[in-house]
């Protein structure tokens, strides 16, 4: 099966690429296809994130496990596109270069049969030029959190449950 996927840069201007790729591709190969389609070198850290219909981020699928003692994190080279992206869960978030935070919305547009003689991945359509620097992100606090509300601040009153020595220095 061939997935037709639109990858949209999280920016004010419309910048996107439509890619055809085999559903059985690893997320690492998909990551490489995205970096090539947008003109990145592909030498920075990256992760995919599962998400819901409103693009709320969920599970991370990382390019490399950089934890000190190994973790349960899913890795791109062990995860297949068809196991993550389906008609029921058609969306992913992709972040490239954690210092610059290039952020993309990835969405399954169609599922088709492979065409004889066509090489995959294949860029179907390219729109817009990638800017020289990533778009600014607006990080906002949770609007439901009220710093003036004693109930919201109760969790900060006790340090016993925090696993650290308060006389650390």
C-alpha atoms as a PDB file:
ATOM      1  CA  UNK A   1       0.000   0.000   0.000  1.00  0.00           C
ATOM      2  CA  UNK A   2       1.090   3.556  -0.709  1.00  0.00           C
ATOM      3  CA  UNK A   3       0.345   6.396   1.679  1.00  0.00           C
ATOM      4  CA  UNK A   4      -0.163   9.865   0.264  1.00  0.00           C
ATOM      5  CA  UNK A   5       0.830  12.232   3.049  1.00  0.00           C
ATOM      6  CA  UNK A   6       0.860  16.017   3.392  1.00  0.00           C
ATOM      7  CA  UNK A   7       3.608  17.511   5.604  1.00  0.00           C
ATOM      8  CA  UNK A   8       2.912  21.129   6.602  1.00  0.00           C
ATOM      9  CA  UNK A   9       5.417  23.447   8.279  1.00  0.00           C
ATOM     10  CA  UNK A  10       3.923  25.113  11.366  1.00  0.00           C
ATOM     11  CA  UNK A  11       4.262  28.668  10.027  1.00  0.00           C
ATOM     12  CA  UNK A  12       2.138  31.641   8.984  1.00  0.00           C
ATOM     13  CA  UNK A  13       2.903  31.093   5.304  1.00  0.00           C
ATOM     14  CA  UNK A  14       1.736  27.967   3.523  1.00  0.00           C
ATOM     15  CA  UNK A  15       4.736  25.649   3.164  1.00  0.00           C
ATOM     16  CA  UNK A  16       4.057  21.981   2.553  1.00  0.00           C
ATOM     17  CA  UNK A  17       5.089  18.865   0.686  1.00  0.00           C
ATOM     18  CA  UNK A  18       2.882  16.016  -0.522  1.00  0.00           C
ATOM     19  CA  UNK A  19       4.729  12.700  -0.480  1.00  0.00           C
ATOM     20  CA  UNK A  20       3.846   9.199  -1.627  1.00  0.00           C
ATOM     21  CA  UNK A  21       5.557   6.557   0.487  1.00  0.00           C
ATOM     22  CA  UNK A  22       5.174   2.853   1.138  1.00  0.00           C
ATOM     23  CA  UNK A  23       3.105   2.108   4.224  1.00  0.00           C
ATOM     24  CA  UNK A  24       5.673  -0.503   5.285  1.00  0.00           C
ATOM     25  CA  UNK A  25       8.421   2.157   5.546  1.00  0.00           C
ATOM     26  CA  UNK A  26      10.099   2.732   8.910  1.00  0.00           C
ATOM     27  CA  UNK A  27       9.630   6.113  10.540  1.00  0.00           C
ATOM     28  CA  UNK A  28      13.395   6.601  10.207  1.00  0.00           C
ATOM     29  CA  UNK A  29      13.122   6.327   6.425  1.00  0.00           C
ATOM     30  CA  UNK A  30      10.072   8.607   6.519  1.00  0.00           C
ATOM     31  CA  UNK A  31      12.109  11.119   8.566  1.00  0.00           C
ATOM     32  CA  UNK A  32      14.829  10.981   5.881  1.00  0.00           C
ATOM     33  CA  UNK A  33      12.224  11.579   3.173  1.00  0.00           C
ATOM     34  CA  UNK A  34      10.857  14.625   5.009  1.00  0.00           C
ATOM     35  CA  UNK A  35      14.291  16.169   5.574  1.00  0.00           C
ATOM     36  CA  UNK A  36      15.169  15.698   1.896  1.00  0.00           C
ATOM     37  CA  UNK A  37      11.819  17.089   0.726  1.00  0.00           C
ATOM     38  CA  UNK A  38      12.330  20.262   2.763  1.00  0.00           C
ATOM     39  CA  UNK A  39      16.061  20.607   2.022  1.00  0.00           C
ATOM     40  CA  UNK A  40      17.466  19.846   5.483  1.00  0.00           C
ATOM     41  CA  UNK A  41      20.761  17.992   5.893  1.00  0.00           C
ATOM     42  CA  UNK A  42      19.098  15.392   8.115  1.00  0.00           C
ATOM     43  CA  UNK A  43      21.865  15.458  10.718  1.00  0.00           C
ATOM     44  CA  UNK A  44      19.828  16.842  13.637  1.00  0.00           C
ATOM     45  CA  UNK A  45      17.792  15.053  16.290  1.00  0.00           C
ATOM     46  CA  UNK A  46      14.133  14.539  15.458  1.00  0.00           C
ATOM     47  CA  UNK A  47      11.004  12.907  16.817  1.00  0.00           C
ATOM     48  CA  UNK A  48       7.531  12.024  15.686  1.00  0.00           C
ATOM     49  CA  UNK A  49       4.655  12.367  18.120  1.00  0.00           C
ATOM     50  CA  UNK A  50       1.330  10.628  17.913  1.00  0.00           C
ATOM     51  CA  UNK A  51      -1.556  13.013  18.424  1.00  0.00           C
ATOM     52  CA  UNK A  52      -5.315  13.260  18.453  1.00  0.00           C
ATOM     53  CA  UNK A  53      -7.610  14.968  15.955  1.00  0.00           C
ATOM     54  CA  UNK A  54      -6.897  18.398  17.518  1.00  0.00           C
ATOM     55  CA  UNK A  55      -3.113  17.885  17.223  1.00  0.00           C
ATOM     56  CA  UNK A  56      -2.641  17.356  20.977  1.00  0.00           C
ATOM     57  CA  UNK A  57       0.751  15.672  21.326  1.00  0.00           C
ATOM     58  CA  UNK A  58       0.936  12.187  22.827  1.00  0.00           C
ATOM     59  CA  UNK A  59       3.620   9.480  22.546  1.00  0.00           C
ATOM     60  CA  UNK A  60       7.138  10.283  21.304  1.00  0.00           C
ATOM     61  CA  UNK A  61       8.892   8.155  18.693  1.00  0.00           C
ATOM     62  CA  UNK A  62      12.527   9.296  18.653  1.00  0.00           C
ATOM     63  CA  UNK A  63      15.303   9.038  16.097  1.00  0.00           C
ATOM     64  CA  UNK A  64      17.766   7.930  18.804  1.00  0.00           C
ATOM     65  CA  UNK A  65      17.509   6.956  22.450  1.00  0.00           C
ATOM     66  CA  UNK A  66      19.779   9.439  24.205  1.00  0.00           C
ATOM     67  CA  UNK A  67      18.808   8.494  27.747  1.00  0.00           C
ATOM     68  CA  UNK A  68      21.647   7.442  30.028  1.00  0.00           C
ATOM     69  CA  UNK A  69      20.352   4.024  30.994  1.00  0.00           C
ATOM     70  CA  UNK A  70      18.062   3.134  28.122  1.00  0.00           C
ATOM     71  CA  UNK A  71      14.353   3.685  28.293  1.00  0.00           C
ATOM     72  CA  UNK A  72      11.044   2.484  26.973  1.00  0.00           C
ATOM     73  CA  UNK A  73      11.017   5.139  24.265  1.00  0.00           C
ATOM     74  CA  UNK A  74       9.936   3.968  20.844  1.00  0.00           C
ATOM     75  CA  UNK A  75      12.520   4.391  18.103  1.00  0.00           C
ATOM     76  CA  UNK A  76      11.935   5.351  14.480  1.00  0.00           C
ATOM     77  CA  UNK A  77      14.014   2.481  13.081  1.00  0.00           C
ATOM     78  CA  UNK A  78      11.830  -0.038  14.955  1.00  0.00           C
ATOM     79  CA  UNK A  79       8.466   1.528  14.105  1.00  0.00           C
ATOM     80  CA  UNK A  80       6.629   1.243  10.803  1.00  0.00           C
ATOM     81  CA  UNK A  81       4.493   3.979   9.308  1.00  0.00           C
ATOM     82  CA  UNK A  82       1.493   1.655   8.863  1.00  0.00           C
ATOM     83  CA  UNK A  83       1.584   0.792  12.592  1.00  0.00           C
ATOM     84  CA  UNK A  84       1.232   4.458  13.592  1.00  0.00           C
ATOM     85  CA  UNK A  85      -0.656   6.197  10.793  1.00  0.00           C
ATOM     86  CA  UNK A  86      -4.022   4.711   9.858  1.00  0.00           C
ATOM     87  CA  UNK A  87      -7.349   5.972   8.604  1.00  0.00           C
ATOM     88  CA  UNK A  88      -8.500   6.133  12.249  1.00  0.00           C
ATOM     89  CA  UNK A  89      -5.311   7.919  13.420  1.00  0.00           C
ATOM     90  CA  UNK A  90      -4.209   9.929  10.364  1.00  0.00           C
ATOM     91  CA  UNK A  91      -2.105  12.597  12.105  1.00  0.00           C
ATOM     92  CA  UNK A  92       1.425  12.938  13.482  1.00  0.00           C
ATOM     93  CA  UNK A  93       3.553  15.823  14.671  1.00  0.00           C
ATOM     94  CA  UNK A  94       7.156  15.860  13.471  1.00  0.00           C
ATOM     95  CA  UNK A  95       9.861  17.972  15.146  1.00  0.00           C
ATOM     96  CA  UNK A  96      13.262  18.374  13.508  1.00  0.00           C
ATOM     97  CA  UNK A  97      16.280  19.958  15.245  1.00  0.00           C
ATOM     98  CA  UNK A  98      15.342  20.465  18.887  1.00  0.00           C
ATOM     99  CA  UNK A  99      17.409  23.655  19.147  1.00  0.00           C
ATOM    100  CA  UNK A 100      15.500  25.291  16.278  1.00  0.00           C
ATOM    101  CA  UNK A 101      12.222  23.390  16.761  1.00  0.00           C
ATOM    102  CA  UNK A 102      11.152  23.024  13.143  1.00  0.00           C
ATOM    103  CA  UNK A 103       7.639  21.671  13.691  1.00  0.00           C
ATOM    104  CA  UNK A 104       5.493  19.969  11.057  1.00  0.00           C
ATOM    105  CA  UNK A 105       1.962  18.632  10.917  1.00  0.00           C
ATOM    106  CA  UNK A 106       1.815  15.290   9.108  1.00  0.00           C
ATOM    107  CA  UNK A 107      -1.510  14.006   7.812  1.00  0.00           C
ATOM    108  CA  UNK A 108      -2.531  10.975   5.801  1.00  0.00           C
ATOM    109  CA  UNK A 109      -4.496  12.159   2.748  1.00  0.00           C
ATOM    110  CA  UNK A 110      -5.078   8.902   0.859  1.00  0.00           C
ATOM    111  CA  UNK A 111      -4.147   5.233   0.608  1.00  0.00           C
ATOM    112  CA  UNK A 112      -3.524   3.841  -2.878  1.00  0.00           C
ATOM    113  CA  UNK A 113      -2.014   0.877  -4.672  1.00  0.00           C
ATOM    114  CA  UNK A 114       1.615   1.045  -5.792  1.00  0.00           C
ATOM    115  CA  UNK A 115       2.087   1.990  -9.442  1.00  0.00           C
ATOM    116  CA  UNK A 116       4.386  -0.162 -11.568  1.00  0.00           C
ATOM    117  CA  UNK A 117       7.586   1.627 -12.495  1.00  0.00           C
ATOM    118  CA  UNK A 118       7.250   4.367  -9.869  1.00  0.00           C
ATOM    119  CA  UNK A 119       9.957   4.722  -7.213  1.00  0.00           C
ATOM    120  CA  UNK A 120       8.929   5.499  -3.647  1.00  0.00           C
ATOM    121  CA  UNK A 121       9.151   7.770  -1.773  1.00  0.00           C
ATOM    122  CA  UNK A 122       7.955  10.225  -4.375  1.00  0.00           C
ATOM    123  CA  UNK A 123       7.302  13.947  -3.943  1.00  0.00           C
ATOM    124  CA  UNK A 124       3.918  14.648  -5.534  1.00  0.00           C
ATOM    125  CA  UNK A 125       3.746  18.373  -4.857  1.00  0.00           C
ATOM    126  CA  UNK A 126       5.918  21.026  -3.270  1.00  0.00           C
ATOM    127  CA  UNK A 127       4.546  24.401  -2.201  1.00  0.00           C
ATOM    128  CA  UNK A 128       6.419  27.266  -0.560  1.00  0.00           C
ATOM    129  CA  UNK A 129      10.047  27.756   0.353  1.00  0.00           C
ATOM    130  CA  UNK A 130      11.443  26.884   3.752  1.00  0.00           C
ATOM    131  CA  UNK A 131      12.516  30.074   5.574  1.00  0.00           C
ATOM    132  CA  UNK A 132      16.123  30.635   6.671  1.00  0.00           C
ATOM    133  CA  UNK A 133      15.124  30.255  10.321  1.00  0.00           C
ATOM    134  CA  UNK A 134      12.241  28.415  11.965  1.00  0.00           C
ATOM    135  CA  UNK A 135       9.018  30.272  12.684  1.00  0.00           C
ATOM    136  CA  UNK A 136       8.729  31.770  16.187  1.00  0.00           C
ATOM    137  CA  UNK A 137       6.727  29.678  18.625  1.00  0.00           C
ATOM    138  CA  UNK A 138       4.358  31.192  21.143  1.00  0.00           C
ATOM    139  CA  UNK A 139       4.531  29.158  24.323  1.00  0.00           C
ATOM    140  CA  UNK A 140       1.582  29.919  26.536  1.00  0.00           C
ATOM    141  CA  UNK A 141       0.596  28.794  30.002  1.00  0.00           C
ATOM    142  CA  UNK A 142      -2.383  26.574  30.548  1.00  0.00           C
ATOM    143  CA  UNK A 143      -5.288  29.071  30.645  1.00  0.00           C
ATOM    144  CA  UNK A 144      -7.040  27.005  33.317  1.00  0.00           C
ATOM    145  CA  UNK A 145      -4.115  27.447  35.739  1.00  0.00           C
ATOM    146  CA  UNK A 146      -4.638  30.393  38.068  1.00  0.00           C
ATOM    147  CA  UNK A 147      -1.566  31.582  39.944  1.00  0.00           C
ATOM    148  CA  UNK A 148      -3.820  33.530  42.299  1.00  0.00           C
ATOM    149  CA  UNK A 149      -5.851  30.450  43.225  1.00  0.00           C
ATOM    150  CA  UNK A 150      -4.645  28.693  46.390  1.00  0.00           C
ATOM    151  CA  UNK A 151      -5.918  25.318  45.142  1.00  0.00           C
ATOM    152  CA  UNK A 152      -3.657  25.470  42.057  1.00  0.00           C
ATOM    153  CA  UNK A 153      -0.663  26.369  44.214  1.00  0.00           C
ATOM    154  CA  UNK A 154      -1.194  23.648  46.872  1.00  0.00           C
ATOM    155  CA  UNK A 155       1.012  21.261  44.921  1.00  0.00           C
ATOM    156  CA  UNK A 156       3.972  23.616  45.473  1.00  0.00           C
ATOM    157  CA  UNK A 157       3.639  23.753  49.266  1.00  0.00           C
ATOM    158  CA  UNK A 158       5.260  20.417  50.033  1.00  0.00           C
ATOM    159  CA  UNK A 159       8.692  19.321  48.868  1.00  0.00           C
ATOM    160  CA  UNK A 160       8.681  15.931  50.601  1.00  0.00           C
ATOM    161  CA  UNK A 161       7.209  14.186  47.562  1.00  0.00           C
ATOM    162  CA  UNK A 162       9.817  15.614  45.201  1.00  0.00           C
ATOM    163  CA  UNK A 163      12.692  13.191  44.875  1.00  0.00           C
ATOM    164  CA  UNK A 164      15.612  15.515  45.636  1.00  0.00           C
ATOM    165  CA  UNK A 165      17.689  16.796  48.539  1.00  0.00           C
ATOM    166  CA  UNK A 166      16.713  20.388  49.276  1.00  0.00           C
ATOM    167  CA  UNK A 167      20.235  20.996  50.653  1.00  0.00           C
ATOM    168  CA  UNK A 168      21.823  19.943  47.373  1.00  0.00           C
ATOM    169  CA  UNK A 169      24.422  22.695  47.255  1.00  0.00           C
END
